C-alpha atoms as a PDB file:
ATOM      1  CA  MET A   1       0.000   0.000   0.000  1.00  0.00           C
ATOM      2  CA  ARG A   2       1.335   3.428  -0.891  1.00  0.00           C
ATOM      3  CA  PRO A   3       2.182   5.761   2.022  1.00  0.00           C
ATOM      4  CA  GLY A   4      -0.519   8.288   1.061  1.00  0.00           C
ATOM      5  CA  ARG A   5      -3.229   5.651   1.051  1.00  0.00           C
ATOM      6  CA  SER A   6      -2.054   4.264   4.355  1.00  0.00           C
ATOM      7  CA  ALA A   7      -2.226   7.712   5.947  1.00  0.00           C
ATOM      8  CA  ARG A   8      -5.719   8.302   4.562  1.00  0.00           C
ATOM      9  CA  LEU A   9      -6.904   4.941   5.850  1.00  0.00           C
ATOM     10  CA  LYS A  10      -5.531   5.746   9.309  1.00  0.00           C
ATOM     11  CA  LEU A  11      -7.383   9.081   9.259  1.00  0.00           C
ATOM     12  CA  VAL A  12     -10.660   7.406   8.301  1.00  0.00           C
ATOM     13  CA  LEU A  13     -10.299   4.746  10.993  1.00  0.00           C
ATOM     14  CA  ARG A  14      -9.410   7.370  13.598  1.00  0.00           C
ATOM     15  CA  GLY A  15     -12.452   9.401  12.572  1.00  0.00           C
ATOM     16  CA  ARG A  16     -14.705   6.355  12.888  1.00  0.00           C
ATOM     17  CA  ARG A  17     -13.432   5.662  16.406  1.00  0.00           C
ATOM     18  CA  LEU A  18     -14.196   9.274  17.307  1.00  0.00           C
ATOM     19  CA  GLY A  19     -17.722   8.994  15.924  1.00  0.00           C
ATOM     20  CA  LEU A  20     -17.257  11.287  12.937  1.00  0.00           C
ATOM     21  CA  SER A  21     -19.599  10.841   9.988  1.00  0.00           C
ATOM     22  CA  LEU A  22     -18.380   9.801   6.554  1.00  0.00           C
ATOM     23  CA  VAL A  23     -18.835  13.384   5.356  1.00  0.00           C
ATOM     24  CA  GLU A  24     -16.734  14.724   8.234  1.00  0.00           C
ATOM     25  CA  ASN A  25     -14.100  12.077   7.550  1.00  0.00           C
ATOM     26  CA  GLY A  26     -14.146  13.008   3.875  1.00  0.00           C
ATOM     27  CA  GLU A  27     -13.483  16.654   4.674  1.00  0.00           C
ATOM     28  CA  ILE A  28     -10.508  15.754   6.818  1.00  0.00           C
ATOM     29  CA  VAL A  29      -9.064  13.316   4.271  1.00  0.00           C
ATOM     30  CA  ALA A  30      -9.533  15.857   1.452  1.00  0.00           C
ATOM     31  CA  MET A  31      -7.459  18.345   3.434  1.00  0.00           C
ATOM     32  CA  TYR A  32      -4.575  15.862   3.450  1.00  0.00           C
ATOM     33  CA  THR A  33      -3.468  16.865  -0.051  1.00  0.00           C
ATOM     34  CA  ALA A  34      -5.101  20.282  -0.441  1.00  0.00           C
ATOM     35  CA  ALA A  35      -4.355  23.630   1.154  1.00  0.00           C
ATOM     36  CA  PRO A  36      -3.958  24.340   4.054  1.00  0.00           C
ATOM     37  CA  GLY A  37      -2.305  20.931   4.127  1.00  0.00           C
ATOM     38  CA  GLU A  38      -1.431  18.751   7.063  1.00  0.00           C
ATOM     39  CA  ARG A  39      -1.376  21.543   9.657  1.00  0.00           C
ATOM     40  CA  GLY A  40      -4.821  22.773   8.653  1.00  0.00           C
ATOM     41  CA  GLN A  41      -6.060  19.211   8.616  1.00  0.00           C
ATOM     42  CA  LEU A  42      -4.851  18.611  12.156  1.00  0.00           C
ATOM     43  CA  GLU A  43      -6.346  21.879  13.400  1.00  0.00           C
ATOM     44  CA  HIS A  44      -9.680  20.965  11.788  1.00  0.00           C
ATOM     45  CA  LEU A  45      -9.528  17.489  13.312  1.00  0.00           C
ATOM     46  CA  LEU A  46      -8.858  18.942  16.769  1.00  0.00           C
ATOM     47  CA  THR A  47     -11.842  21.256  16.376  1.00  0.00           C
ATOM     48  CA  ARG A  48     -14.103  18.343  15.376  1.00  0.00           C
ATOM     49  CA  ILE A  49     -12.800  16.244  18.275  1.00  0.00           C
ATOM     50  CA  THR A  50     -13.556  19.061  20.704  1.00  0.00           C
ATOM     51  CA  GLU A  51     -17.075  19.429  19.296  1.00  0.00           C
ATOM     52  CA  LYS A  52     -17.687  15.676  19.412  1.00  0.00           C
ATOM     53  CA  ARG A  53     -16.419  15.509  22.997  1.00  0.00           C
ATOM     54  CA  ALA A  54     -18.815  18.263  24.063  1.00  0.00           C
ATOM     55  CA  GLU A  55     -21.666  16.410  22.347  1.00  0.00           C
ATOM     56  CA  LEU A  56     -20.801  13.146  24.120  1.00  0.00           C
ATOM     57  CA  GLU A  57     -20.447  14.877  27.499  1.00  0.00           C
ATOM     58  CA  SER A  58     -23.903  16.395  27.021  1.00  0.00           C
ATOM     59  CA  LYS A  59     -25.339  12.967  26.237  1.00  0.00           C
ATOM     60  CA  LEU A  60     -23.643  11.545  29.328  1.00  0.00           C
ATOM     61  CA  VAL A  61     -25.259  14.206  31.519  1.00  0.00           C
ATOM     62  CA  ASP A  62     -28.644  13.350  29.984  1.00  0.00           C
ATOM     63  CA  ILE A  63     -28.115   9.649  30.684  1.00  0.00           C
ATOM     64  CA  ILE A  64     -27.073  10.275  34.291  1.00  0.00           C
ATOM     65  CA  GLU A  65     -30.104  12.513  34.857  1.00  0.00           C
ATOM     66  CA  THR A  66     -32.391   9.867  33.368  1.00  0.00           C
ATOM     67  CA  TRP A  67     -30.953   7.172  35.630  1.00  0.00           C
ATOM     68  CA  SER A  68     -31.418   9.429  38.642  1.00  0.00           C
ATOM     69  CA  GLU A  69     -35.136   9.819  38.046  1.00  0.00           C
END
């Protein structure tokens, strides 16, 4: 497997583990070869991870409140 394909596959698998949609994964993978390049890609990924974490924390609070009732 070529290095570029391997890197893209790793990005997709990482995105799946983080709960990103295929569209979100596609955006991140597309940034791999386009401007702003790898740095922009990583910054975008960190932003998405932060958003996803906030979403999951909100769901956790909802679950805990439901269990408490």
